[in-house]
Amino acid sequence: MALGMSKRRLVLIPVLLLIFSAAIGVLWVNHYFPTITRPSTTETSSSTTSTSTQTTHTRTTTSATTSAFTSATSSATTTRTASSSTSLWHPALVTSWQWELSSTPIDVSIHVQMYDIDAFDNDASQVAAIHATGAKAVCYISGGTLENWRPDANSFPSSVAGSAVSGWAGEKWLDIRQISILGPIMEARMDICVTKGFDGIEADNVDGYTNPTGFPLTYQDQLNYNIFLANAAHARGLSIGLKNDVGQVKDLLSYFDWALNEECFKFNECDTLLPFINAGKPVFQTEYDTSQYCAQANAMNFNSLVKHLSLDAWRQPCRGT
């Protein structure tokens, strides 16, 4: 028995030494190689969100664009989310309005909810008079043409001025591909609108790619430029409407807060604007010198007016107000 016990002790000694060595090894590894903690679920979620944002930004700038456009829109892409915030004015689906671009002072006694007036021809006191009635004020600028009578006309170099706009003296199409040049000019115009107290922007002539501009403008060129304008407006807390450009509604709907259209009934294009209505975004629409389309306009839930082509104070609303 004594001999057997001695043998068991002899057998246990190497085992104990092995266990002891293993314990020392574990302590050594833990000391020199600390355990790497797996990222938490919150961190993973944050990473996924960041990737999603980058994908959205990539979608807004598809195809080759200038580095200036990328720089100018990088901050504005963030503000696109802000376009759905409560701080930005979103007109109701049914909103009465006046569109008066060729006469001043503006008659604010007609009891409408929105006035669309010229950025340069009206001062802050006129905007304040509109606000005093409880209405909102939209700031008209030309986003796609050079108007030689504007106070900032000399800001446009000759390289961006193209063909004359048919029917409108002193006006030329712009090369909207050159956002590095046009961007700061348009942003300065929007800053004027902000300073005067306007609530929104109407950027006109943003369908140059469908017109003889003198430049080989593409669908994507126009898309890039219009997205730039929308983001620049939102970055300044301004609502913005898509003016005409019915061929790009499907791609621009998420960037613009409402639509403004001329003569879609005359040209049989009104159905292209229905995505705005379906998204709860109003359509402000005008036909010139004829009320024959009012029944159709009302049925489509458009805020339609009959106006003179000069866009003076006269108006005939299809809805009666």
Protein backbone atom coordinates (compact mmCIF):
# COMPACT_ATOMS: atom_id res chain seq x y z
CA MET A 1 0.00 0.00 0.00
CA ALA A 2 2.83 2.37 0.91
CA LEU A 3 4.54 1.59 -2.37
CA GLY A 4 1.27 2.13 -4.27
CA MET A 5 0.72 5.48 -2.58
CA SER A 6 4.28 6.55 -3.48
CA LYS A 7 3.63 5.65 -7.11
CA ARG A 8 0.43 7.73 -7.15
CA ARG A 9 2.31 10.64 -5.63
CA LEU A 10 4.99 10.26 -8.30
CA VAL A 11 2.29 10.27 -10.98
CA LEU A 12 0.55 13.34 -9.49
CA ILE A 13 3.68 15.44 -9.32
CA PRO A 14 4.03 15.91 -13.13
CA VAL A 15 0.28 16.59 -13.37
CA LEU A 16 0.47 19.28 -10.70
CA LEU A 17 3.49 20.80 -12.41
CA LEU A 18 1.57 20.86 -15.71
CA ILE A 19 -1.44 22.59 -14.13
CA PHE A 20 0.82 25.08 -12.41
CA SER A 21 2.60 25.87 -15.68
CA ALA A 22 -0.71 26.35 -17.48
CA ALA A 23 -1.93 28.78 -14.82
CA ILE A 24 1.28 30.78 -15.09
CA GLY A 25 0.83 30.84 -18.88
CA VAL A 26 -2.71 32.20 -18.65
CA LEU A 27 -1.62 34.97 -16.29
CA TRP A 28 1.22 35.89 -18.65
CA VAL A 29 -1.07 36.07 -21.70
CA ASN A 30 -3.66 38.18 -19.88
CA HIS A 31 -0.98 40.57 -18.77
CA TYR A 32 0.67 41.13 -22.13
CA PHE A 33 -2.34 40.59 -24.44
CA PRO A 34 -5.47 42.16 -22.89
CA THR A 35 -8.79 40.84 -24.11
CA ILE A 36 -10.20 42.87 -27.07
CA THR A 37 -13.79 43.92 -26.34
CA ARG A 38 -16.27 43.34 -29.17
CA PRO A 39 -17.97 46.55 -30.42
CA SER A 40 -21.31 47.15 -28.81
CA THR A 41 -24.62 47.03 -30.69
CA THR A 42 -24.87 50.82 -30.43
CA GLU A 43 -21.53 51.32 -32.18
CA THR A 44 -22.50 48.94 -34.93
CA SER A 45 -25.79 50.75 -35.42
CA SER A 46 -23.98 54.08 -35.65
CA SER A 47 -21.66 52.71 -38.30
CA THR A 48 -24.59 51.43 -40.32
CA THR A 49 -26.32 54.80 -40.13
CA SER A 50 -23.21 56.55 -41.37
CA THR A 51 -22.99 54.22 -44.34
CA SER A 52 -26.63 54.84 -45.18
CA THR A 53 -26.08 58.62 -45.15
CA GLN A 54 -23.11 58.28 -47.48
CA THR A 55 -25.18 56.19 -49.86
CA THR A 56 -27.90 58.85 -49.94
CA HIS A 57 -25.30 61.52 -50.64
CA THR A 58 -23.85 59.42 -53.46
CA ARG A 59 -27.30 59.06 -54.98
CA THR A 60 -27.75 62.83 -55.04
CA THR A 61 -24.53 63.38 -56.96
CA THR A 62 -24.49 60.52 -59.42
CA SER A 63 -22.31 61.00 -62.53
CA ALA A 64 -19.31 63.27 -62.78
CA THR A 65 -19.70 66.68 -61.15
CA THR A 66 -17.26 69.38 -60.24
CA SER A 67 -15.44 69.29 -56.93
CA ALA A 68 -17.06 72.64 -56.16
CA PHE A 69 -20.50 71.06 -56.41
CA THR A 70 -19.47 68.29 -54.03
CA SER A 71 -18.15 70.85 -51.57
CA ALA A 72 -21.16 73.14 -51.86
CA THR A 73 -23.68 70.35 -51.37
CA SER A 74 -21.91 68.36 -48.64
CA SER A 75 -23.35 70.48 -45.85
CA ALA A 76 -26.65 70.96 -47.67
CA THR A 77 -27.19 67.21 -47.96
CA THR A 78 -27.48 67.16 -44.18
CA THR A 79 -30.07 69.93 -44.41
CA ARG A 80 -32.17 67.85 -46.75
CA THR A 81 -33.39 66.02 -43.65
CA ALA A 82 -34.16 69.43 -42.19
CA SER A 83 -36.48 70.08 -45.15
CA SER A 84 -39.01 67.88 -43.38
CA SER A 85 -38.55 69.60 -40.03
CA THR A 86 -41.18 71.81 -38.45
CA SER A 87 -38.89 74.87 -38.70
CA LEU A 88 -39.24 74.95 -42.48
CA TRP A 89 -42.42 76.30 -44.01
CA HIS A 90 -44.44 73.59 -45.77
CA PRO A 91 -47.52 75.03 -47.49
CA ALA A 92 -50.75 73.09 -47.11
CA LEU A 93 -52.06 71.05 -50.02
CA VAL A 94 -54.79 73.66 -50.50
CA THR A 95 -53.24 77.12 -50.29
CA SER A 96 -54.59 80.32 -51.85
CA TRP A 97 -51.95 82.47 -53.49
CA GLN A 98 -50.99 85.45 -55.59
CA TRP A 99 -48.21 85.59 -58.20
CA GLU A 100 -47.22 89.20 -58.86
CA LEU A 101 -43.84 89.85 -60.46
CA SER A 102 -44.25 92.95 -62.61
CA SER A 103 -45.88 95.52 -60.35
CA THR A 104 -45.07 97.20 -57.04
CA PRO A 105 -46.13 97.85 -54.39
CA ILE A 106 -47.87 94.53 -53.89
CA ASP A 107 -51.57 94.67 -53.13
CA VAL A 108 -51.84 92.77 -49.85
CA SER A 109 -55.60 93.24 -49.47
CA ILE A 110 -56.70 90.22 -51.48
CA HIS A 111 -56.65 87.80 -48.52
CA VAL A 112 -54.50 84.93 -49.77
CA GLN A 113 -52.15 82.66 -47.85
CA MET A 114 -49.07 83.04 -50.07
CA TYR A 115 -47.56 85.80 -52.19
CA ASP A 116 -44.89 85.01 -54.79
CA ILE A 117 -43.03 88.26 -55.56
CA ASP A 118 -39.73 89.43 -57.02
CA ALA A 119 -36.58 89.23 -54.89
CA PHE A 120 -35.02 92.48 -56.10
CA ASP A 121 -38.06 94.69 -56.70
CA ASN A 122 -39.46 94.32 -53.17
CA ASP A 123 -37.82 95.34 -49.92
CA ALA A 124 -38.12 93.99 -46.40
CA SER A 125 -41.02 96.33 -45.61
CA GLN A 126 -43.08 94.74 -48.39
CA VAL A 127 -42.38 91.28 -46.99
CA ALA A 128 -43.32 92.53 -43.54
CA ALA A 129 -46.61 93.87 -44.94
CA ILE A 130 -47.36 90.41 -46.34
CA HIS A 131 -46.56 88.79 -43.02
CA ALA A 132 -48.82 91.28 -41.25
CA THR A 133 -51.76 89.72 -43.11
CA GLY A 134 -50.80 86.27 -41.87
CA ALA A 135 -49.54 85.17 -45.31
CA LYS A 136 -46.18 83.75 -46.38
CA ALA A 137 -43.83 85.38 -48.88
CA VAL A 138 -42.00 83.52 -51.67
CA CYS A 139 -38.90 85.08 -53.22
CA TYR A 140 -38.68 84.90 -57.03
CA ILE A 141 -35.23 84.57 -58.60
CA SER A 142 -34.11 83.24 -61.95
CA GLY A 143 -31.99 80.21 -61.24
CA GLY A 144 -31.15 79.34 -64.83
CA THR A 145 -30.87 82.58 -66.79
CA LEU A 146 -28.86 85.79 -66.76
CA GLU A 147 -31.13 88.86 -66.70
CA ASN A 148 -29.06 91.88 -67.72
CA TRP A 149 -31.15 94.34 -65.70
CA ARG A 150 -30.49 92.71 -62.33
CA PRO A 151 -28.13 94.47 -59.88
CA ASP A 152 -25.85 91.40 -59.75
CA ALA A 153 -25.71 90.91 -63.55
CA ASN A 154 -22.00 91.77 -63.64
CA SER A 155 -21.28 88.85 -61.32
CA PHE A 156 -21.83 86.43 -64.22
CA PRO A 157 -18.72 85.96 -66.40
CA SER A 158 -19.28 85.69 -70.16
CA SER A 159 -18.25 82.01 -70.04
CA VAL A 160 -21.54 81.04 -68.38
CA ALA A 161 -23.83 83.10 -70.65
CA GLY A 162 -25.37 81.18 -73.53
CA SER A 163 -28.16 81.71 -76.05
CA ALA A 164 -30.86 84.33 -75.69
CA VAL A 165 -34.10 83.20 -74.08
CA SER A 166 -36.74 83.26 -76.79
CA GLY A 167 -39.32 85.98 -76.24
CA TRP A 168 -37.56 87.65 -73.32
CA ALA A 169 -35.24 90.55 -74.15
CA GLY A 170 -32.03 90.91 -72.18
CA GLU A 171 -32.10 87.33 -70.89
CA LYS A 172 -29.67 84.50 -71.64
CA TRP A 173 -29.48 80.87 -70.58
CA LEU A 174 -26.77 79.89 -68.09
CA ASP A 175 -24.29 77.04 -68.27
CA ILE A 176 -25.56 75.23 -65.20
CA ARG A 177 -22.66 72.77 -65.37
CA GLN A 178 -20.44 75.49 -63.93
CA ILE A 179 -21.72 75.29 -60.38
CA SER A 180 -18.39 76.51 -59.03
CA ILE A 181 -19.25 79.88 -60.61
CA LEU A 182 -23.03 79.96 -60.42
CA GLY A 183 -23.34 78.44 -56.96
CA PRO A 184 -22.01 81.43 -54.99
CA ILE A 185 -24.11 83.84 -57.06
CA MET A 186 -27.31 81.91 -56.43
CA GLU A 187 -26.47 81.49 -52.75
CA ALA A 188 -25.95 85.25 -52.50
CA ARG A 189 -29.39 85.77 -54.01
CA MET A 190 -30.92 83.40 -51.49
CA ASP A 191 -29.13 85.28 -48.72
CA ILE A 192 -30.87 88.45 -49.92
CA CYS A 193 -34.19 86.62 -49.64
CA VAL A 194 -33.35 85.57 -46.08
CA THR A 195 -32.30 89.11 -45.12
CA LYS A 196 -35.61 90.50 -46.39
CA GLY A 197 -37.56 87.93 -44.40
CA PHE A 198 -38.92 85.65 -47.14
CA ASP A 199 -40.22 82.18 -46.32
CA GLY A 200 -39.52 80.40 -49.59
CA ILE A 201 -37.84 80.45 -52.99
CA GLU A 202 -39.13 80.18 -56.54
CA ALA A 203 -36.09 79.46 -58.74
CA ASP A 204 -37.20 79.99 -62.33
CA ASN A 205 -35.80 78.57 -65.58
CA VAL A 206 -34.52 75.31 -64.11
CA ASP A 207 -35.32 73.23 -67.18
CA GLY A 208 -32.58 74.52 -69.47
CA TYR A 209 -31.64 71.03 -70.60
CA THR A 210 -34.90 70.92 -72.61
CA ASN A 211 -34.20 74.29 -74.27
CA PRO A 212 -31.72 75.63 -76.86
CA THR A 213 -29.32 77.10 -74.32
CA GLY A 214 -26.16 77.09 -76.44
CA PHE A 215 -24.66 74.44 -74.16
CA PRO A 216 -24.81 70.63 -74.40
CA LEU A 217 -26.73 70.28 -71.15
CA THR A 218 -27.86 66.81 -70.11
CA TYR A 219 -30.61 65.48 -67.90
CA GLN A 220 -28.01 64.75 -65.23
CA ASP A 221 -26.53 68.26 -65.46
CA GLN A 222 -29.96 69.70 -64.72
CA LEU A 223 -30.58 67.22 -61.93
CA ASN A 224 -27.28 68.11 -60.25
CA TYR A 225 -27.98 71.82 -60.48
CA ASN A 226 -31.56 71.63 -59.24
CA ILE A 227 -30.55 69.50 -56.28
CA PHE A 228 -27.87 72.06 -55.49
CA LEU A 229 -30.49 74.84 -55.48
CA ALA A 230 -32.87 72.86 -53.26
CA ASN A 231 -30.14 72.05 -50.77
CA ALA A 232 -28.91 75.65 -50.72
CA ALA A 233 -32.42 76.90 -49.98
CA HIS A 234 -32.97 74.38 -47.19
CA ALA A 235 -29.59 75.24 -45.68
CA ARG A 236 -30.97 78.77 -45.23
CA GLY A 237 -34.29 77.69 -43.77
CA LEU A 238 -36.17 78.45 -46.99
CA SER A 239 -38.86 76.32 -48.55
CA ILE A 240 -38.40 75.81 -52.31
CA GLY A 241 -40.71 74.95 -55.19
CA LEU A 242 -39.85 73.06 -58.36
CA LYS A 243 -40.62 75.43 -61.24
CA ASN A 244 -41.90 73.63 -64.34
CA ASP A 245 -39.25 70.93 -65.16
CA VAL A 246 -41.99 68.32 -65.33
CA GLY A 247 -39.64 65.74 -66.85
CA GLN A 248 -37.66 65.40 -63.61
CA VAL A 249 -40.44 65.28 -61.02
CA LYS A 250 -39.77 61.64 -60.14
CA ASP A 251 -36.12 62.38 -59.34
CA LEU A 252 -36.64 65.73 -57.62
CA LEU A 253 -39.81 65.15 -55.60
CA SER A 254 -37.94 64.35 -52.39
CA TYR A 255 -35.84 67.53 -52.63
CA PHE A 256 -38.58 70.09 -53.29
CA ASP A 257 -41.40 71.16 -50.99
CA TRP A 258 -43.99 72.15 -53.59
CA ALA A 259 -44.32 72.69 -57.33
CA LEU A 260 -45.11 75.75 -59.44
CA ASN A 261 -46.15 75.22 -63.04
CA GLU A 262 -47.11 77.26 -66.07
CA GLU A 263 -49.58 75.97 -68.66
CA CYS A 264 -49.46 72.25 -67.95
CA PHE A 265 -53.05 71.94 -69.17
CA LYS A 266 -52.24 73.72 -72.43
CA PHE A 267 -49.34 71.34 -73.05
CA ASN A 268 -51.07 68.24 -71.62
CA GLU A 269 -48.43 67.72 -68.91
CA CYS A 270 -50.40 68.01 -65.67
CA ASP A 271 -50.37 64.31 -64.84
CA THR A 272 -46.61 64.55 -64.30
CA LEU A 273 -47.28 66.75 -61.26
CA LEU A 274 -49.54 64.29 -59.46
CA PRO A 275 -46.64 62.75 -57.47
CA PHE A 276 -46.49 66.06 -55.57
CA ILE A 277 -50.19 65.85 -54.72
CA ASN A 278 -49.85 62.19 -53.72
CA ALA A 279 -46.95 63.12 -51.42
CA GLY A 280 -49.03 65.81 -49.73
CA LYS A 281 -47.08 68.62 -51.41
CA PRO A 282 -49.09 71.40 -53.08
CA VAL A 283 -49.06 72.28 -56.76
CA PHE A 284 -49.39 75.98 -57.64
CA GLN A 285 -50.44 76.22 -61.25
CA THR A 286 -51.20 78.96 -63.77
CA GLU A 287 -52.81 79.15 -67.19
CA TYR A 288 -52.63 82.41 -69.11
CA ASP A 289 -55.80 84.25 -70.13
CA THR A 290 -58.13 81.27 -70.11
CA SER A 291 -60.25 79.64 -67.40
CA GLN A 292 -61.36 76.66 -69.48
CA TYR A 293 -59.18 74.29 -67.44
CA CYS A 294 -60.37 75.29 -63.97
CA ALA A 295 -62.71 72.32 -63.51
CA GLN A 296 -59.87 69.91 -64.30
CA ALA A 297 -57.49 71.80 -62.04
CA ASN A 298 -59.89 71.64 -59.11
CA ALA A 299 -60.48 67.92 -59.69
CA MET A 300 -56.70 67.35 -59.53
CA ASN A 301 -56.50 69.41 -56.30
CA PHE A 302 -54.22 72.03 -57.89
CA ASN A 303 -54.08 75.60 -56.61
CA SER A 304 -54.67 77.09 -60.05
CA LEU A 305 -54.88 80.71 -61.18
CA VAL A 306 -55.66 82.41 -64.45
CA LYS A 307 -53.13 85.21 -64.96
CA HIS A 308 -51.90 87.65 -67.56
CA LEU A 309 -48.56 86.67 -69.07
CA SER A 310 -47.06 89.85 -67.59
CA LEU A 311 -47.86 88.52 -64.10
CA ASP A 312 -49.25 91.81 -62.90
CA ALA A 313 -51.72 92.10 -60.02
CA TRP A 314 -54.74 90.71 -61.91
CA ARG A 315 -55.73 87.17 -60.99
CA GLN A 316 -58.66 84.81 -61.35
CA PRO A 317 -58.45 81.87 -58.95
CA CYS A 318 -60.04 78.61 -60.05
CA ARG A 319 -61.19 77.89 -56.48
CA GLY A 320 -62.73 81.28 -55.91
CA THR A 321 -60.15 82.64 -53.46
